[in-house]
PDB file of N, CA and C in Angstrom:
ATOM      1  N   MET A   1      46.419 -10.936  83.558  1.00  0.00           N
ATOM      2  CA  MET A   1      47.697 -10.450  82.811  1.00  0.00           C
ATOM      3  C   MET A   1      48.065  -9.345  83.616  1.00  0.00           C
ATOM      4  N   ALA A   2      49.451  -9.092  83.299  1.00  0.00           N
ATOM      5  CA  ALA A   2      50.074  -8.158  84.077  1.00  0.00           C
ATOM      6  C   ALA A   2      49.895  -6.778  83.858  1.00  0.00           C
ATOM      7  N   ALA A   3      50.275  -5.898  84.487  1.00  0.00           N
ATOM      8  CA  ALA A   3      50.042  -4.457  84.352  1.00  0.00           C
ATOM      9  C   ALA A   3      51.086  -3.660  84.771  1.00  0.00           C
ATOM     10  N   ILE A   4      51.765  -2.812  84.225  1.00  0.00           N
ATOM     11  CA  ILE A   4      52.827  -2.007  84.608  1.00  0.00           C
ATOM     12  C   ILE A   4      52.830  -0.475  84.993  1.00  0.00           C
ATOM     13  N   SER A   5      53.362   0.123  85.850  1.00  0.00           N
ATOM     14  CA  SER A   5      53.549   1.173  86.202  1.00  0.00           C
ATOM     15  C   SER A   5      54.796   1.794  86.115  1.00  0.00           C
ATOM     16  N   ILE A   6      55.061   3.049  85.386  1.00  0.00           N
ATOM     17  CA  ILE A   6      56.362   3.669  85.059  1.00  0.00           C
ATOM     18  C   ILE A   6      56.185   4.942  85.544  1.00  0.00           C
ATOM     19  N   THR A   7      57.060   5.449  86.501  1.00  0.00           N
ATOM     20  CA  THR A   7      56.859   6.766  87.218  1.00  0.00           C
ATOM     21  C   THR A   7      58.426   7.225  87.147  1.00  0.00           C
ATOM     22  N   THR A   8      58.442   8.417  86.931  1.00  0.00           N
ATOM     23  CA  THR A   8      59.618   9.283  86.609  1.00  0.00           C
ATOM     24  C   THR A   8      59.688  10.391  87.655  1.00  0.00           C
ATOM     25  N   PHE A   9      60.888  10.528  88.539  1.00  0.00           N
ATOM     26  CA  PHE A   9      61.170  11.655  89.377  1.00  0.00           C
ATOM     27  C   PHE A   9      62.462  12.156  89.058  1.00  0.00           C
ATOM     28  N   ALA A  10      62.400  13.634  88.757  1.00  0.00           N
ATOM     29  CA  ALA A  10      63.574  14.464  88.420  1.00  0.00           C
ATOM     30  C   ALA A  10      63.989  14.814  89.800  1.00  0.00           C
ATOM     31  N   ARG A  11      65.357  14.931  89.737  1.00  0.00           N
ATOM     32  CA  ARG A  11      65.984  15.394  91.141  1.00  0.00           C
ATOM     33  C   ARG A  11      65.966  16.870  91.122  1.00  0.00           C
ATOM     34  N   ARG A  12      65.637  17.207  92.273  1.00  0.00           N
ATOM     35  CA  ARG A  12      65.505  18.646  92.414  1.00  0.00           C
ATOM     36  C   ARG A  12      67.093  19.282  92.672  1.00  0.00           C
ATOM     37  N   ASP A  13      67.120  20.597  92.376  1.00  0.00           N
ATOM     38  CA  ASP A  13      68.391  21.098  92.400  1.00  0.00           C
ATOM     39  C   ASP A  13      69.287  21.138  93.526  1.00  0.00           C
ATOM     40  N   GLN A  14      68.587  21.042  94.784  1.00  0.00           N
ATOM     41  CA  GLN A  14      69.208  21.003  96.187  1.00  0.00           C
ATOM     42  C   GLN A  14      69.163  19.515  96.399  1.00  0.00           C
ATOM     43  N   THR A  15      68.941  18.456  95.858  1.00  0.00           N
ATOM     44  CA  THR A  15      68.788  17.014  96.150  1.00  0.00           C
ATOM     45  C   THR A  15      70.043  16.354  95.861  1.00  0.00           C
ATOM     46  N   ASP A  16      70.687  15.751  96.850  1.00  0.00           N
ATOM     47  CA  ASP A  16      71.880  14.769  96.725  1.00  0.00           C
ATOM     48  C   ASP A  16      71.571  13.737  95.862  1.00  0.00           C
ATOM     49  N   ARG A  17      72.343  13.250  95.224  1.00  0.00           N
ATOM     50  CA  ARG A  17      71.879  12.005  94.343  1.00  0.00           C
ATOM     51  C   ARG A  17      71.875  10.788  95.229  1.00  0.00           C
ATOM     52  N   ALA A  18      72.534  10.911  96.197  1.00  0.00           N
ATOM     53  CA  ALA A  18      72.742   9.677  97.177  1.00  0.00           C
ATOM     54  C   ALA A  18      71.276   9.569  97.876  1.00  0.00           C
ATOM     55  N   ASP A  19      70.688  10.759  98.342  1.00  0.00           N
ATOM     56  CA  ASP A  19      69.595  10.956  98.815  1.00  0.00           C
ATOM     57  C   ASP A  19      68.412  10.344  98.019  1.00  0.00           C
ATOM     58  N   LEU A  20      68.352  10.832  96.703  1.00  0.00           N
ATOM     59  CA  LEU A  20      67.464  10.349  95.867  1.00  0.00           C
ATOM     60  C   LEU A  20      67.557   8.953  95.550  1.00  0.00           C
ATOM     61  N   HIS A  21      68.627   8.411  95.633  1.00  0.00           N
ATOM     62  CA  HIS A  21      68.874   6.926  95.481  1.00  0.00           C
ATOM     63  C   HIS A  21      68.205   6.069  96.588  1.00  0.00           C
ATOM     64  N   GLY A  22      68.514   6.671  97.908  1.00  0.00           N
ATOM     65  CA  GLY A  22      68.043   5.979  98.744  1.00  0.00           C
ATOM     66  C   GLY A  22      66.484   5.911  99.002  1.00  0.00           C
ATOM     67  N   ALA A  23      65.827   7.142  98.742  1.00  0.00           N
ATOM     68  CA  ALA A  23      64.364   7.420  98.655  1.00  0.00           C
ATOM     69  C   ALA A  23      63.973   6.379  97.403  1.00  0.00           C
ATOM     70  N   ALA A  24      64.388   6.206  96.471  1.00  0.00           N
ATOM     71  CA  ALA A  24      63.843   5.503  95.280  1.00  0.00           C
ATOM     72  C   ALA A  24      63.964   3.734  95.675  1.00  0.00           C
ATOM     73  N   LEU A  25      65.143   3.689  96.383  1.00  0.00           N
ATOM     74  CA  LEU A  25      65.254   2.123  96.842  1.00  0.00           C
ATOM     75  C   LEU A  25      64.230   1.828  97.912  1.00  0.00           C
ATOM     76  N   ALA A  26      63.872   2.758  98.873  1.00  0.00           N
ATOM     77  CA  ALA A  26      62.932   2.517  99.937  1.00  0.00           C
ATOM     78  C   ALA A  26      61.665   2.433  99.334  1.00  0.00           C
ATOM     79  N   ALA A  27      61.281   3.166  98.311  1.00  0.00           N
ATOM     80  CA  ALA A  27      59.978   3.228  97.619  1.00  0.00           C
ATOM     81  C   ALA A  27      59.701   1.928  96.779  1.00  0.00           C
ATOM     82  N   THR A  28      60.837   1.342  96.162  1.00  0.00           N
ATOM     83  CA  THR A  28      60.461   0.116  95.407  1.00  0.00           C
ATOM     84  C   THR A  28      60.468  -1.084  96.397  1.00  0.00           C
ATOM     85  N   ARG A  29      61.016  -0.960  97.514  1.00  0.00           N
ATOM     86  CA  ARG A  29      61.194  -1.925  98.592  1.00  0.00           C
ATOM     87  C   ARG A  29      59.638  -1.963  99.024  1.00  0.00           C
ATOM     88  N   ALA A  30      58.954  -0.832  99.497  1.00  0.00           N
ATOM     89  CA  ALA A  30      57.679  -0.855  99.917  1.00  0.00           C
ATOM     90  C   ALA A  30      56.673  -1.227  99.013  1.00  0.00           C
ATOM     91  N   LEU A  31      56.833  -0.869  97.628  1.00  0.00           N
ATOM     92  CA  LEU A  31      55.968  -1.258  96.593  1.00  0.00           C
ATOM     93  C   LEU A  31      55.943  -2.930  96.486  1.00  0.00           C
ATOM     94  N   ARG A  32      57.156  -3.464  96.644  1.00  0.00           N
ATOM     95  CA  ARG A  32      57.442  -4.972  96.425  1.00  0.00           C
ATOM     96  C   ARG A  32      56.624  -5.730  97.497  1.00  0.00           C
ATOM     97  N   ALA A  33      56.593  -5.073  98.708  1.00  0.00           N
ATOM     98  CA  ALA A  33      55.931  -5.556  99.855  1.00  0.00           C
ATOM     99  C   ALA A  33      54.234  -5.674  99.724  1.00  0.00           C
ATOM    100  N   GLN A  34      53.759  -5.062  98.809  1.00  0.00           N
ATOM    101  CA  GLN A  34      52.453  -5.073  98.619  1.00  0.00           C
ATOM    102  C   GLN A  34      51.821  -6.168  98.041  1.00  0.00           C
ATOM    103  N   GLU A  35      50.823  -6.529  98.303  1.00  0.00           N
ATOM    104  CA  GLU A  35      50.088  -7.775  97.718  1.00  0.00           C
ATOM    105  C   GLU A  35      49.802  -7.652  96.111  1.00  0.00           C
ATOM    106  N   GLY A  36      50.064  -8.434  95.236  1.00  0.00           N
ATOM    107  CA  GLY A  36      49.767  -8.405  93.925  1.00  0.00           C
ATOM    108  C   GLY A  36      50.918  -7.761  93.095  1.00  0.00           C
ATOM    109  N   VAL A  37      51.955  -7.169  93.667  1.00  0.00           N
ATOM    110  CA  VAL A  37      53.024  -6.553  93.046  1.00  0.00           C
ATOM    111  C   VAL A  37      54.162  -7.916  92.804  1.00  0.00           C
ATOM    112  N   ILE A  38      54.401  -7.926  91.464  1.00  0.00           N
ATOM    113  CA  ILE A  38      55.513  -9.092  90.969  1.00  0.00           C
ATOM    114  C   ILE A  38      56.721  -8.562  91.217  1.00  0.00           C
ATOM    115  N   GLY A  39      57.065  -7.243  91.094  1.00  0.00           N
ATOM    116  CA  GLY A  39      58.351  -6.666  91.115  1.00  0.00           C
ATOM    117  C   GLY A  39      58.351  -5.152  90.981  1.00  0.00           C
ATOM    118  N   SER A  40      59.276  -4.571  91.525  1.00  0.00           N
ATOM    119  CA  SER A  40      59.649  -3.138  91.360  1.00  0.00           C
ATOM    120  C   SER A  40      61.090  -2.874  91.462  1.00  0.00           C
ATOM    121  N   ARG A  41      61.347  -2.050  90.537  1.00  0.00           N
ATOM    122  CA  ARG A  41      62.884  -1.650  90.506  1.00  0.00           C
ATOM    123  C   ARG A  41      63.060  -0.136  90.000  1.00  0.00           C
ATOM    124  N   PHE A  42      63.997   0.269  90.251  1.00  0.00           N
ATOM    125  CA  PHE A  42      64.211   1.684  89.715  1.00  0.00           C
ATOM    126  C   PHE A  42      65.619   1.854  88.950  1.00  0.00           C
ATOM    127  N   PHE A  43      65.730   2.760  88.111  1.00  0.00           N
ATOM    128  CA  PHE A  43      66.795   2.824  87.002  1.00  0.00           C
ATOM    129  C   PHE A  43      67.139   4.394  87.092  1.00  0.00           C
ATOM    130  N   TRP A  44      68.362   4.714  86.889  1.00  0.00           N
ATOM    131  CA  TRP A  44      68.783   6.218  86.630  1.00  0.00           C
ATOM    132  C   TRP A  44      68.746   6.490  85.259  1.00  0.00           C
ATOM    133  N   ASP A  45      68.310   7.682  84.845  1.00  0.00           N
ATOM    134  CA  ASP A  45      68.317   8.013  83.513  1.00  0.00           C
ATOM    135  C   ASP A  45      69.937   8.360  83.098  1.00  0.00           C
ATOM    136  N   ALA A  46      70.100   8.562  81.797  1.00  0.00           N
ATOM    137  CA  ALA A  46      71.434   8.386  81.265  1.00  0.00           C
ATOM    138  C   ALA A  46      72.429   9.792  81.845  1.00  0.00           C
ATOM    139  N   GLN A  47      71.450  10.782  82.165  1.00  0.00           N
ATOM    140  CA  GLN A  47      72.255  11.922  82.681  1.00  0.00           C
ATOM    141  C   GLN A  47      72.346  11.872  84.082  1.00  0.00           C
ATOM    142  N   GLY A  48      71.725  11.023  84.847  1.00  0.00           N
ATOM    143  CA  GLY A  48      71.893  10.884  86.328  1.00  0.00           C
ATOM    144  C   GLY A  48      71.148  12.088  86.970  1.00  0.00           C
ATOM    145  N   ASP A  49      70.137  12.534  86.455  1.00  0.00           N
ATOM    146  CA  ASP A  49      69.289  13.361  87.148  1.00  0.00           C
ATOM    147  C   ASP A  49      67.620  13.176  87.359  1.00  0.00           C
ATOM    148  N   ALA A  50      67.342  11.841  87.078  1.00  0.00           N
ATOM    149  CA  ALA A  50      66.111  11.342  87.445  1.00  0.00           C
ATOM    150  C   ALA A  50      66.120   9.911  87.643  1.00  0.00           C
ATOM    151  N   VAL A  51      65.377   9.447  88.603  1.00  0.00           N
ATOM    152  CA  VAL A  51      65.032   7.939  88.529  1.00  0.00           C
ATOM    153  C   VAL A  51      63.670   7.708  88.091  1.00  0.00           C
ATOM    154  N   VAL A  52      63.634   6.397  87.271  1.00  0.00           N
ATOM    155  CA  VAL A  52      62.744   5.907  86.784  1.00  0.00           C
ATOM    156  C   VAL A  52      62.190   4.469  87.580  1.00  0.00           C
ATOM    157  N   ILE A  53      60.940   4.439  88.241  1.00  0.00           N
ATOM    158  CA  ILE A  53      60.371   3.206  88.891  1.00  0.00           C
ATOM    159  C   ILE A  53      59.586   2.658  87.948  1.00  0.00           C
ATOM    160  N   ILE A  54      59.897   1.324  88.047  1.00  0.00           N
ATOM    161  CA  ILE A  54      58.979   0.461  87.028  1.00  0.00           C
ATOM    162  C   ILE A  54      58.445  -0.652  88.079  1.00  0.00           C
ATOM    163  N   THR A  55      57.186  -0.771  88.199  1.00  0.00           N
ATOM    164  CA  THR A  55      56.673  -1.630  89.031  1.00  0.00           C
ATOM    165  C   THR A  55      55.443  -2.555  88.179  1.00  0.00           C
ATOM    166  N   GLU A  56      55.756  -3.943  88.391  1.00  0.00           N
ATOM    167  CA  GLU A  56      54.893  -4.865  87.576  1.00  0.00           C
ATOM    168  C   GLU A  56      53.704  -5.388  88.608  1.00  0.00           C
ATOM    169  N   TYR A  57      52.538  -5.425  88.258  1.00  0.00           N
ATOM    170  CA  TYR A  57      51.374  -6.018  89.021  1.00  0.00           C
ATOM    171  C   TYR A  57      50.924  -7.190  88.318  1.00  0.00           C
ATOM    172  N   ASP A  58      50.215  -8.116  89.147  1.00  0.00           N
ATOM    173  CA  ASP A  58      49.648  -9.265  88.627  1.00  0.00           C
ATOM    174  C   ASP A  58      48.439  -8.997  87.746  1.00  0.00           C
ATOM    175  N   SER A  59      47.934  -7.775  87.988  1.00  0.00           N
ATOM    176  CA  SER A  59      46.554  -7.341  87.237  1.00  0.00           C
ATOM    177  C   SER A  59      46.328  -5.849  87.366  1.00  0.00           C
ATOM    178  N   MET A  60      45.442  -5.469  86.355  1.00  0.00           N
ATOM    179  CA  MET A  60      45.193  -4.092  86.398  1.00  0.00           C
ATOM    180  C   MET A  60      44.590  -3.478  87.508  1.00  0.00           C
ATOM    181  N   GLU A  61      43.691  -4.687  88.048  1.00  0.00           N
ATOM    182  CA  GLU A  61      42.729  -4.429  89.458  1.00  0.00           C
ATOM    183  C   GLU A  61      43.814  -3.786  90.457  1.00  0.00           C
ATOM    184  N   ARG A  62      44.955  -4.599  90.642  1.00  0.00           N
ATOM    185  CA  ARG A  62      46.117  -4.445  91.664  1.00  0.00           C
ATOM    186  C   ARG A  62      46.509  -3.051  91.449  1.00  0.00           C
ATOM    187  N   LEU A  63      46.873  -2.678  90.279  1.00  0.00           N
ATOM    188  CA  LEU A  63      47.351  -1.359  89.786  1.00  0.00           C
ATOM    189  C   LEU A  63      46.454  -0.383  90.249  1.00  0.00           C
ATOM    190  N   ASN A  64      45.350  -0.413  90.052  1.00  0.00           N
ATOM    191  CA  ASN A  64      44.119   0.677  90.446  1.00  0.00           C
ATOM    192  C   ASN A  64      44.048   0.623  91.827  1.00  0.00           C
ATOM    193  N   THR A  65      44.525  -0.278  92.761  1.00  0.00           N
ATOM    194  CA  THR A  65      44.334  -0.228  94.239  1.00  0.00           C
ATOM    195  C   THR A  65      45.069   0.853  94.918  1.00  0.00           C
ATOM    196  N   ARG A  66      44.685   1.369  95.923  1.00  0.00           N
ATOM    197  CA  ARG A  66      45.446   2.345  96.856  1.00  0.00           C
ATOM    198  C   ARG A  66      46.662   1.676  97.308  1.00  0.00           C
ATOM    199  N   PRO A  67      47.946   2.298  96.957  1.00  0.00           N
ATOM    200  CA  PRO A  67      49.017   1.886  97.761  1.00  0.00           C
ATOM    201  C   PRO A  67      48.879   1.670  99.210  1.00  0.00           C
ATOM    202  N   SER A  68      49.839   0.718  99.850  1.00  0.00           N
ATOM    203  CA  SER A  68      49.777   0.751 101.393  1.00  0.00           C
ATOM    204  C   SER A  68      50.329   2.128 102.014  1.00  0.00           C
ATOM    205  N   THR A  69      50.275   2.046 103.217  1.00  0.00           N
ATOM    206  CA  THR A  69      50.605   3.240 104.046  1.00  0.00           C
ATOM    207  C   THR A  69      52.028   3.299 103.925  1.00  0.00           C
ATOM    208  N   ALA A  70      52.832   2.391 104.050  1.00  0.00           N
ATOM    209  CA  ALA A  70      54.338   2.240 103.869  1.00  0.00           C
ATOM    210  C   ALA A  70      54.796   2.684 102.344  1.00  0.00           C
ATOM    211  N   ALA A  71      54.113   2.328 101.350  1.00  0.00           N
ATOM    212  CA  ALA A  71      54.465   2.666 100.023  1.00  0.00           C
ATOM    213  C   ALA A  71      54.244   4.169  99.691  1.00  0.00           C
ATOM    214  N   MET A  72      52.860   4.598 100.344  1.00  0.00           N
ATOM    215  CA  MET A  72      52.629   6.178 100.295  1.00  0.00           C
ATOM    216  C   MET A  72      53.592   6.855 100.941  1.00  0.00           C
ATOM    217  N   ALA A  73      54.086   6.676 102.090  1.00  0.00           N
ATOM    218  CA  ALA A  73      55.000   7.266 102.890  1.00  0.00           C
ATOM    219  C   ALA A  73      56.440   7.380 101.994  1.00  0.00           C
ATOM    220  N   ALA A  74      56.673   6.275 101.396  1.00  0.00           N
ATOM    221  CA  ALA A  74      57.935   6.229 100.620  1.00  0.00           C
ATOM    222  C   ALA A  74      57.964   7.038  99.503  1.00  0.00           C
ATOM    223  N   LEU A  75      56.823   7.202  98.823  1.00  0.00           N
ATOM    224  CA  LEU A  75      56.680   7.887  97.659  1.00  0.00           C
ATOM    225  C   LEU A  75      56.513   9.336  97.789  1.00  0.00           C
ATOM    226  N   TYR A  76      55.785   9.673  98.744  1.00  0.00           N
ATOM    227  CA  TYR A  76      56.080  11.251  99.374  1.00  0.00           C
ATOM    228  C   TYR A  76      57.396  11.535  99.652  1.00  0.00           C
ATOM    229  N   ARG A  77      58.182  10.601 100.286  1.00  0.00           N
ATOM    230  CA  ARG A  77      59.582  11.162 100.643  1.00  0.00           C
ATOM    231  C   ARG A  77      60.294  11.343  99.294  1.00  0.00           C
ATOM    232  N   LEU A  78      60.018  10.375  98.455  1.00  0.00           N
ATOM    233  CA  LEU A  78      60.684  10.449  97.015  1.00  0.00           C
ATOM    234  C   LEU A  78      60.174  11.655  96.247  1.00  0.00           C
ATOM    235  N   ALA A  79      58.883  12.102  96.344  1.00  0.00           N
ATOM    236  CA  ALA A  79      58.549  13.398  95.805  1.00  0.00           C
ATOM    237  C   ALA A  79      59.096  14.733  96.426  1.00  0.00           C
ATOM    238  N   ASP A  80      59.515  14.540  97.647  1.00  0.00           N
ATOM    239  CA  ASP A  80      60.187  15.795  98.351  1.00  0.00           C
ATOM    240  C   ASP A  80      61.333  16.001  97.687  1.00  0.00           C
ATOM    241  N   LEU A  81      62.006  14.800  97.194  1.00  0.00           N
ATOM    242  CA  LEU A  81      63.481  14.904  96.986  1.00  0.00           C
ATOM    243  C   LEU A  81      63.458  15.091  95.159  1.00  0.00           C
ATOM    244  N   GLY A  82      62.384  14.675  94.702  1.00  0.00           N
ATOM    245  CA  GLY A  82      62.489  14.505  93.076  1.00  0.00           C
ATOM    246  C   GLY A  82      61.201  15.078  92.647  1.00  0.00           C
ATOM    247  N   ARG A  83      61.088  15.741  91.690  1.00  0.00           N
ATOM    248  CA  ARG A  83      59.735  16.341  91.191  1.00  0.00           C
ATOM    249  C   ARG A  83      59.231  15.224  90.175  1.00  0.00           C
ATOM    250  N   PRO A  84      58.058  14.700  90.452  1.00  0.00           N
ATOM    251  CA  PRO A  84      57.301  13.909  89.511  1.00  0.00           C
ATOM    252  C   PRO A  84      57.360  14.441  88.080  1.00  0.00           C
ATOM    253  N   ALA A  85      57.752  13.730  87.190  1.00  0.00           N
ATOM    254  CA  ALA A  85      58.313  14.213  85.923  1.00  0.00           C
ATOM    255  C   ALA A  85      57.475  13.357  84.756  1.00  0.00           C
ATOM    256  N   GLY A  86      56.680  12.334  85.040  1.00  0.00           N
ATOM    257  CA  GLY A  86      55.823  11.580  84.191  1.00  0.00           C
ATOM    258  C   GLY A  86      55.584  10.441  84.853  1.00  0.00           C
ATOM    259  N   SER A  87      54.528   9.830  84.234  1.00  0.00           N
ATOM    260  CA  SER A  87      54.117   8.253  84.606  1.00  0.00           C
ATOM    261  C   SER A  87      53.228   7.732  83.586  1.00  0.00           C
ATOM    262  N   SER A  88      53.262   6.337  83.351  1.00  0.00           N
ATOM    263  CA  SER A  88      52.599   5.493  82.384  1.00  0.00           C
ATOM    264  C   SER A  88      52.063   4.450  83.067  1.00  0.00           C
ATOM    265  N   ARG A  89      50.857   3.927  82.718  1.00  0.00           N
ATOM    266  CA  ARG A  89      50.216   2.741  83.115  1.00  0.00           C
ATOM    267  C   ARG A  89      49.985   1.936  81.970  1.00  0.00           C
ATOM    268  N   LEU A  90      50.393   0.874  81.837  1.00  0.00           N
ATOM    269  CA  LEU A  90      50.556  -0.130  80.857  1.00  0.00           C
ATOM    270  C   LEU A  90      49.808  -1.304  81.218  1.00  0.00           C
ATOM    271  N   THR A  91      49.115  -1.998  80.295  1.00  0.00           N
ATOM    272  CA  THR A  91      48.372  -3.256  80.481  1.00  0.00           C
ATOM    273  C   THR A  91      48.509  -4.152  79.278  1.00  0.00           C
ATOM    274  N   ASP A  92      48.323  -5.311  79.383  1.00  0.00           N
ATOM    275  CA  ASP A  92      48.511  -6.363  78.293  1.00  0.00           C
ATOM    276  C   ASP A  92      47.312  -6.004  77.197  1.00  0.00           C
ATOM    277  N   ALA A  93      47.669  -6.244  76.012  1.00  0.00           N
ATOM    278  CA  ALA A  93      46.677  -5.713  74.989  1.00  0.00           C
ATOM    279  C   ALA A  93      45.552  -6.549  75.095  1.00  0.00           C
ATOM    280  N   ARG A  94      45.352  -7.853  75.510  1.00  0.00           N
ATOM    281  CA  ARG A  94      44.248  -8.559  75.296  1.00  0.00           C
ATOM    282  C   ARG A  94      43.234  -8.051  76.630  1.00  0.00           C
ATOM    283  N   ASP A  95      43.921  -7.401  77.712  1.00  0.00           N
ATOM    284  CA  ASP A  95      43.243  -6.949  78.918  1.00  0.00           C
ATOM    285  C   ASP A  95      42.705  -5.664  78.274  1.00  0.00           C
ATOM    286  N   ALA A  96      43.621  -4.714  77.525  1.00  0.00           N
ATOM    287  CA  ALA A  96      42.978  -3.530  77.133  1.00  0.00           C
ATOM    288  C   ALA A  96      41.809  -3.690  76.189  1.00  0.00           C
ATOM    289  N   ALA A  97      41.945  -4.664  75.263  1.00  0.00           N
ATOM    290  CA  ALA A  97      40.800  -4.982  74.227  1.00  0.00           C
ATOM    291  C   ALA A  97      39.502  -5.384  74.964  1.00  0.00           C
ATOM    292  N   SER A  98      39.652  -6.319  75.882  1.00  0.00           N
ATOM    293  CA  SER A  98      38.487  -6.471  76.795  1.00  0.00           C
ATOM    294  C   SER A  98      37.908  -5.543  77.384  1.00  0.00           C
ATOM    295  N   ALA A  99      38.815  -4.724  78.117  1.00  0.00           N
ATOM    296  CA  ALA A  99      38.063  -3.486  78.977  1.00  0.00           C
ATOM    297  C   ALA A  99      37.265  -2.587  77.865  1.00  0.00           C
ATOM    298  N   TYR A 100      37.908  -2.462  76.677  1.00  0.00           N
ATOM    299  CA  TYR A 100      37.355  -1.727  75.542  1.00  0.00           C
ATOM    300  C   TYR A 100      35.929  -2.212  75.226  1.00  0.00           C
ATOM    301  N   LEU A 101      35.944  -3.556  75.025  1.00  0.00           N
ATOM    302  CA  LEU A 101      34.593  -4.156  74.509  1.00  0.00           C
ATOM    303  C   LEU A 101      33.690  -4.140  75.875  1.00  0.00           C
ATOM    304  N   ASP A 102      34.095  -4.377  76.908  1.00  0.00           N
ATOM    305  CA  ASP A 102      33.293  -4.491  78.062  1.00  0.00           C
ATOM    306  C   ASP A 102      32.589  -3.036  78.158  1.00  0.00           C
ATOM    307  N   ALA A 103      33.117  -1.916  77.949  1.00  0.00           N
ATOM    308  CA  ALA A 103      32.588  -0.576  78.006  1.00  0.00           C
ATOM    309  C   ALA A 103      31.514  -0.421  77.045  1.00  0.00           C
ATOM    310  N   GLY A 104      31.312  -1.383  76.088  1.00  0.00           N
ATOM    311  CA  GLY A 104      30.202  -1.032  75.193  1.00  0.00           C
ATOM    312  C   GLY A 104      30.732  -0.554  73.805  1.00  0.00           C
ATOM    313  N   ARG A 105      32.034  -0.272  73.769  1.00  0.00           N
ATOM    314  CA  ARG A 105      32.691   0.001  72.471  1.00  0.00           C
ATOM    315  C   ARG A 105      32.768  -1.029  71.436  1.00  0.00           C
ATOM    316  N   SER A 106      32.811  -0.796  70.240  1.00  0.00           N
ATOM    317  CA  SER A 106      33.131  -1.731  69.297  1.00  0.00           C
ATOM    318  C   SER A 106      33.909  -1.239  68.085  1.00  0.00           C
TER     319      SER A 106
END
């Protein structure tokens, strides 16, 4: 089942929106190039002061693997221009329930 990562980067005061846009585009392209990534896109928030990157993986295991060197470089560049402002990791309900039970919980 699929897993999703949602990460928000708030624009720093001195950062031009065009630069943040370019960095977010580069990050999504680098993430899409990784094995196990179904897709990666970014969106602007309604105020135009933050970008939200949504990346879908083919499994939770892929989401838990270390990003490629190119993806890490692109994400560091993005973090230089925007302050990391939040993240979420989501998984399919069936996978979450299975992991819960596999951990010995009931």
